[in-house]
Protein backbone atom coordinates (compact mmCIF):
# COMPACT_ATOMS: atom_id res chain seq x y z
CA MET A 1 231.50 -118.06 -30.16
CA SER A 2 229.69 -121.24 -31.19
CA GLN A 3 230.70 -124.70 -29.98
CA GLN A 4 231.87 -125.67 -33.49
CA THR A 5 234.07 -122.55 -33.70
CA ARG A 6 235.61 -123.30 -30.29
CA ARG A 7 236.25 -126.90 -31.38
CA ASN A 8 237.96 -125.77 -34.59
CA ALA A 9 240.07 -123.26 -32.65
CA PHE A 10 241.06 -125.98 -30.16
CA ILE A 11 242.15 -128.30 -32.99
CA ALA A 12 244.04 -125.48 -34.74
CA VAL A 13 245.99 -124.63 -31.58
CA PHE A 14 247.17 -128.23 -31.17
CA LEU A 15 248.02 -128.66 -34.86
CA LEU A 16 249.92 -125.37 -35.11
CA PRO A 17 253.26 -126.65 -33.64
CA THR A 18 253.22 -129.63 -36.02
CA PHE A 19 252.47 -127.36 -38.97
CA LEU A 20 255.31 -125.01 -38.00
CA PHE A 21 257.78 -127.92 -37.69
CA PHE A 22 256.63 -129.23 -41.08
CA CYS A 23 257.19 -125.82 -42.67
CA LEU A 24 260.58 -125.39 -40.99
CA PHE A 25 262.04 -128.87 -41.61
CA ALA A 26 260.24 -129.94 -44.82
CA LEU A 27 258.84 -127.08 -46.91
CA TYR A 28 261.63 -124.58 -46.25
CA PRO A 29 264.50 -127.00 -47.20
CA ILE A 30 262.64 -127.91 -50.39
CA ALA A 31 262.11 -124.26 -51.31
CA LYS A 32 265.74 -123.46 -50.44
CA GLY A 33 267.00 -126.37 -52.55
CA ILE A 34 264.97 -125.21 -55.56
CA HIS A 35 266.32 -121.68 -55.06
CA ILE A 36 269.96 -122.86 -54.91
CA SER A 37 269.50 -125.01 -58.03
CA LEU A 38 269.09 -121.79 -60.04
CA PHE A 39 272.61 -120.58 -59.16
CA ASP A 40 276.20 -121.41 -60.02
CA TRP A 41 277.55 -121.65 -56.47
CA SER A 42 280.34 -123.57 -54.72
CA GLY A 43 278.43 -123.82 -51.46
CA SER A 44 280.91 -121.78 -49.39
CA SER A 45 281.71 -118.71 -51.50
CA LYS A 46 279.74 -115.49 -51.17
CA ASN A 47 279.66 -115.24 -54.97
CA LYS A 48 276.49 -116.73 -56.37
CA HIS A 49 275.69 -116.32 -60.06
CA PHE A 50 272.10 -116.66 -61.17
CA ILE A 51 272.00 -118.99 -64.20
CA GLY A 52 268.32 -119.88 -64.36
CA LEU A 53 267.66 -123.43 -65.55
CA ASP A 54 271.20 -124.08 -66.84
CA ASN A 55 271.89 -126.61 -64.07
CA PHE A 56 268.87 -128.64 -65.18
CA ARG A 57 269.90 -128.44 -68.87
CA GLU A 58 273.36 -129.70 -67.90
CA LEU A 59 271.79 -132.38 -65.71
CA PHE A 60 269.66 -133.91 -68.46
CA ASN A 61 272.69 -134.04 -70.78
CA ASP A 62 274.81 -135.75 -68.12
CA PRO A 63 275.14 -139.51 -68.85
CA ILE A 64 276.06 -140.24 -65.21
CA ILE A 65 272.68 -139.06 -63.92
CA TRP A 66 270.92 -141.48 -66.28
CA THR A 67 273.13 -144.28 -64.97
CA ALA A 68 272.25 -143.17 -61.44
CA ILE A 69 268.49 -143.19 -62.18
CA LYS A 70 268.79 -146.65 -63.74
CA ASN A 71 270.71 -147.92 -60.70
CA ASP A 72 268.13 -146.43 -58.31
CA TYR A 73 265.33 -148.27 -60.09
CA PHE A 74 267.43 -151.45 -60.21
CA LEU A 75 267.65 -151.31 -56.40
CA VAL A 76 263.95 -150.40 -56.11
CA VAL A 77 262.76 -153.35 -58.22
CA GLY A 78 265.29 -155.77 -56.71
CA LYS A 79 264.46 -154.78 -53.13
CA VAL A 80 260.68 -154.83 -53.64
CA ILE A 81 260.83 -158.32 -55.17
CA GLY A 82 263.48 -159.72 -52.82
CA ILE A 83 262.26 -158.20 -49.56
CA MET A 84 258.54 -158.77 -50.09
CA LEU A 85 258.95 -162.37 -51.24
CA LEU A 86 261.33 -163.32 -48.43
CA ALA A 87 259.52 -161.31 -45.73
CA THR A 88 256.16 -162.84 -46.70
CA PHE A 89 257.63 -166.35 -46.83
CA PHE A 90 259.27 -166.08 -43.41
CA ALA A 91 256.20 -164.38 -41.90
CA ILE A 92 254.02 -167.25 -43.10
CA ALA A 93 256.59 -169.81 -41.92
CA VAL A 94 256.77 -168.52 -38.34
CA THR A 95 253.01 -167.99 -37.96
CA ARG A 96 250.77 -170.20 -40.06
CA LEU A 97 253.22 -173.10 -40.34
CA ARG A 98 254.14 -172.75 -36.65
CA ALA A 99 257.85 -173.24 -37.24
CA ALA A 100 259.75 -174.46 -34.19
CA GLY A 101 261.68 -171.65 -32.50
CA SER A 102 259.73 -168.91 -34.32
CA GLY A 103 260.74 -166.34 -31.69
CA PHE A 104 264.41 -167.12 -32.35
CA TYR A 105 263.95 -166.66 -36.12
CA ARG A 106 262.15 -163.33 -35.60
CA SER A 107 265.11 -162.08 -33.54
CA ILE A 108 267.68 -163.32 -36.05
CA PHE A 109 266.00 -161.65 -39.01
CA PHE A 110 265.42 -158.41 -37.09
CA ILE A 111 269.06 -158.00 -35.98
CA PRO A 112 270.15 -156.16 -39.20
CA ASN A 113 267.50 -153.50 -38.46
CA ILE A 114 269.18 -152.52 -35.21
CA ILE A 115 272.62 -152.27 -36.85
CA SER A 116 273.76 -149.01 -38.40
CA VAL A 117 273.72 -148.97 -42.21
CA VAL A 118 277.33 -147.81 -42.06
CA VAL A 119 278.28 -150.93 -40.08
CA ILE A 120 276.35 -153.12 -42.53
CA GLY A 121 278.23 -151.54 -45.44
CA VAL A 122 281.63 -152.09 -43.80
CA LEU A 123 280.68 -155.67 -42.85
CA TRP A 124 279.72 -156.57 -46.40
CA ARG A 125 282.85 -154.97 -47.81
CA TYR A 126 284.79 -157.55 -45.83
CA VAL A 127 282.45 -160.33 -47.03
CA TYR A 128 283.11 -159.28 -50.66
CA ASN A 129 286.87 -158.78 -50.20
CA PRO A 130 288.48 -160.61 -53.16
CA ASN A 131 291.41 -161.97 -51.12
CA LEU A 132 290.20 -162.32 -47.53
CA GLY A 133 286.41 -162.23 -47.89
CA PHE A 134 284.08 -165.00 -46.76
CA LEU A 135 282.21 -165.23 -50.09
CA ASN A 136 285.22 -166.10 -52.27
CA SER A 137 286.49 -168.53 -49.61
CA PHE A 138 283.09 -170.24 -49.54
CA LEU A 139 282.86 -170.48 -53.35
CA SER A 140 286.42 -171.85 -53.48
CA LEU A 141 285.17 -174.95 -51.63
CA PHE A 142 283.27 -175.90 -54.79
CA SER A 143 285.99 -175.00 -57.28
CA LYS A 144 289.32 -176.57 -58.23
CA GLU A 145 290.91 -173.12 -58.38
CA PRO A 146 290.68 -170.40 -55.72
CA VAL A 147 287.85 -167.96 -56.52
CA GLN A 148 289.04 -164.35 -56.51
CA LEU A 149 286.12 -162.41 -57.92
CA THR A 150 286.24 -158.65 -57.33
CA TRP A 151 282.58 -158.29 -56.45
CA LEU A 152 282.65 -154.54 -55.88
CA GLY A 153 285.33 -153.76 -58.47
CA THR A 154 283.67 -155.31 -61.52
CA GLU A 155 281.02 -153.23 -63.26
CA ASN A 156 278.77 -156.19 -64.09
CA LEU A 157 278.86 -157.52 -60.52
CA ALA A 158 278.95 -154.36 -58.42
CA MET A 159 275.22 -153.46 -58.48
CA TRP A 160 274.21 -157.06 -57.79
CA SER A 161 276.69 -157.08 -54.91
CA LEU A 162 275.03 -153.96 -53.48
CA LEU A 163 271.53 -155.38 -53.87
CA TRP A 164 271.86 -158.36 -51.53
CA PRO A 165 273.02 -156.41 -48.42
CA SER A 166 270.14 -153.98 -49.04
CA ILE A 167 267.65 -156.87 -49.12
CA TRP A 168 269.25 -158.63 -46.13
CA ALA A 169 269.07 -155.46 -44.04
CA GLY A 170 265.36 -154.92 -44.74
CA ILE A 171 263.76 -158.37 -44.42
CA GLY A 172 263.31 -158.36 -40.64
CA PHE A 173 261.39 -155.07 -40.40
CA TYR A 174 258.84 -156.01 -43.06
CA MET A 175 258.59 -159.57 -41.74
CA ILE A 176 257.50 -158.18 -38.35
CA LEU A 177 254.87 -155.97 -40.05
CA LEU A 178 253.46 -158.93 -41.96
CA ILE A 179 253.52 -161.19 -38.90
CA ALA A 180 251.38 -158.62 -37.06
CA ALA A 181 248.96 -158.55 -40.02
CA ILE A 182 248.74 -162.34 -40.20
CA LEU A 183 248.17 -162.68 -36.45
CA SER A 184 245.25 -160.21 -36.71
CA ILE A 185 243.35 -162.64 -38.97
CA PRO A 186 240.75 -164.53 -36.88
CA ALA A 187 241.84 -168.12 -36.22
CA GLU A 188 238.26 -169.27 -36.87
CA LEU A 189 238.73 -168.55 -40.58
CA TYR A 190 241.64 -170.97 -40.79
CA GLU A 191 239.79 -173.57 -38.69
CA ALA A 192 236.83 -173.37 -41.09
CA ALA A 193 239.21 -173.66 -44.06
CA ASP A 194 240.85 -176.73 -42.48
CA LEU A 195 237.42 -178.35 -42.00
CA ASP A 196 236.62 -177.66 -45.66
CA GLY A 197 239.85 -179.40 -46.63
CA ALA A 198 241.57 -176.32 -48.10
CA SER A 199 245.31 -176.82 -48.55
CA GLN A 200 247.90 -174.44 -47.09
CA SER A 201 248.57 -172.93 -50.53
CA LYS A 202 244.83 -172.45 -51.15
CA GLN A 203 244.46 -170.76 -47.75
CA PHE A 204 247.38 -168.46 -48.56
CA TRP A 205 246.14 -167.31 -51.99
CA SER A 206 242.44 -167.10 -51.11
CA MET A 207 242.55 -165.85 -47.54
CA THR A 208 245.90 -164.77 -46.11
CA LEU A 209 247.15 -162.72 -49.08
CA PRO A 210 243.91 -160.70 -49.60
CA LEU A 211 243.64 -159.99 -45.86
CA ILE A 212 247.23 -158.74 -45.52
CA TRP A 213 247.27 -156.92 -48.89
CA GLY A 214 246.87 -153.54 -47.18
CA GLN A 215 250.08 -154.08 -45.17
CA ILE A 216 251.88 -155.36 -48.27
CA LYS A 217 250.93 -152.18 -50.19
CA ILE A 218 252.23 -149.99 -47.38
CA SER A 219 255.41 -152.06 -47.18
CA ILE A 220 256.03 -151.77 -50.94
CA LEU A 221 255.56 -147.99 -50.85
CA HIS A 222 257.91 -147.76 -47.86
CA VAL A 223 260.57 -149.86 -49.59
CA VAL A 224 260.38 -147.69 -52.72
CA MET A 225 260.55 -144.38 -50.86
CA THR A 226 263.39 -145.43 -48.53
CA THR A 227 265.36 -146.81 -51.49
CA LEU A 228 265.02 -143.69 -53.66
CA ASN A 229 265.89 -141.42 -50.75
CA GLY A 230 268.21 -143.58 -48.66
CA SER A 231 270.27 -145.90 -50.87
CA PHE A 232 273.06 -143.32 -50.84
CA ILE A 233 274.60 -144.49 -47.55
CA ILE A 234 275.25 -148.12 -48.35
CA VAL A 235 276.39 -147.27 -51.90
CA TRP A 236 278.81 -144.64 -50.65
CA ILE A 237 280.21 -146.87 -47.90
CA MET A 238 280.74 -149.88 -50.18
CA THR A 239 281.75 -148.42 -53.57
CA GLU A 240 281.56 -144.59 -53.49
CA GLY A 241 279.72 -144.90 -56.79
CA GLY A 242 282.53 -146.81 -58.53
CA PRO A 243 283.98 -148.46 -60.44
CA ASP A 244 283.81 -145.76 -63.11
CA ASN A 245 280.45 -144.44 -61.79
CA SER A 246 278.79 -147.80 -62.55
CA THR A 247 277.13 -147.98 -59.09
CA GLN A 248 276.29 -144.31 -58.83
CA VAL A 249 272.79 -143.55 -57.51
CA MET A 250 271.17 -140.12 -57.46
CA GLY A 251 271.95 -139.60 -53.76
CA SER A 252 275.63 -140.52 -54.08
CA TYR A 253 275.99 -138.35 -57.19
CA LEU A 254 274.41 -135.43 -55.31
CA TYR A 255 276.91 -135.89 -52.48
CA GLN A 256 279.82 -136.15 -54.89
CA MET A 257 278.88 -133.01 -56.81
CA GLY A 258 278.01 -130.99 -53.70
CA PHE A 259 280.66 -131.99 -51.16
CA ARG A 260 283.51 -133.39 -53.26
CA GLN A 261 283.43 -131.11 -56.31
CA TYR A 262 281.78 -128.12 -54.56
CA HIS A 263 279.22 -127.69 -57.35
CA MET A 264 276.36 -126.96 -54.95
CA GLY A 265 273.94 -125.48 -57.49
CA TYR A 266 274.23 -128.62 -59.62
CA ALA A 267 273.84 -130.81 -56.52
CA ALA A 268 270.67 -128.91 -55.60
CA ALA A 269 269.32 -129.59 -59.11
CA ILE A 270 269.94 -133.32 -58.49
CA GLY A 271 268.04 -132.96 -55.21
CA VAL A 272 265.08 -131.45 -57.06
CA LEU A 273 265.26 -134.36 -59.51
CA ILE A 274 265.22 -136.89 -56.63
CA LEU A 275 262.14 -135.17 -55.17
CA THR A 276 260.37 -135.17 -58.55
CA VAL A 277 261.22 -138.81 -59.31
CA SER A 278 260.10 -139.89 -55.83
CA LEU A 279 256.75 -138.08 -56.11
CA ILE A 280 256.00 -139.42 -59.60
CA THR A 281 256.99 -142.97 -58.61
CA THR A 282 254.82 -142.83 -55.50
CA LEU A 283 251.78 -141.58 -57.43
CA ILE A 284 252.17 -144.28 -60.09
CA LEU A 285 252.60 -146.98 -57.44
CA GLN A 286 249.51 -145.84 -55.55
CA LEU A 287 247.48 -146.09 -58.75
CA LEU A 288 248.85 -149.56 -59.51
CA LEU A 289 248.39 -150.89 -55.98
CA ASN A 290 244.99 -149.30 -55.38
CA ARG A 291 243.05 -152.52 -55.69
CA ASP A 292 240.11 -153.50 -53.56
CA THR A 293 241.20 -156.43 -51.42
CA THR A 294 237.82 -158.07 -51.90
CA GLU A 295 238.62 -158.46 -55.60
CA MET A 296 241.51 -160.75 -54.68
CA ALA A 297 239.49 -163.07 -52.47
């Protein structure tokens, strides 16, 4: 046996457990979900009726799923813009601008990341409470009449009310990533820029942003993927998809159809849709973000 063959065998032996775990916990659930989506099944009964693609035909004629897709992309766009702008601003503020007490600010912004999403959802439900919530009480200070807006009970306000807690909960994590990227930039570059008389804004656009663009791309992709696959929890805790399905996202609709209405085949079809939408969105984003950082300098 040649040395190259022994090396390949050594690598294969160490990769085999990871490959088996990937097959067991990733590929098999996907294949099982696709299989279930072809049946009319309650999820608990032994009776499963093969119906082919009927669940998908019903899905694409279901107006709620289109509302859910629209809401998912509303959260994706809102979180990407809100989180990346605020995380970049605060990362710059506590590093390049040397804000006083930067360690304190890092801790404050990171606290939501160590709190359960369930707790965050419950907390913000109290903040939005129309009678006892902090937000209406605060707004009443600037109004002659008491403000009693039903933030989570009004269709036009509910999605916006869900967006801010989602942004608030994510800023700290991405701020820490960007701080690490900014601190990896050699200080000599900024010293040379200072000697050349470059302003802070010029240094940001010409030097900082191109050099941290790789981390920003990764952060944007992570925000998109976690939103498409994980927005279900906070939506379900705060509104359960209401009022009148106006805040439904694909994940919450899947849960409702599978575990509330026991329409498991239909829920599996929604799961396949989530997987497809996530893959297509990721591929498109990678194409859009695949810019050479040197072109930005």
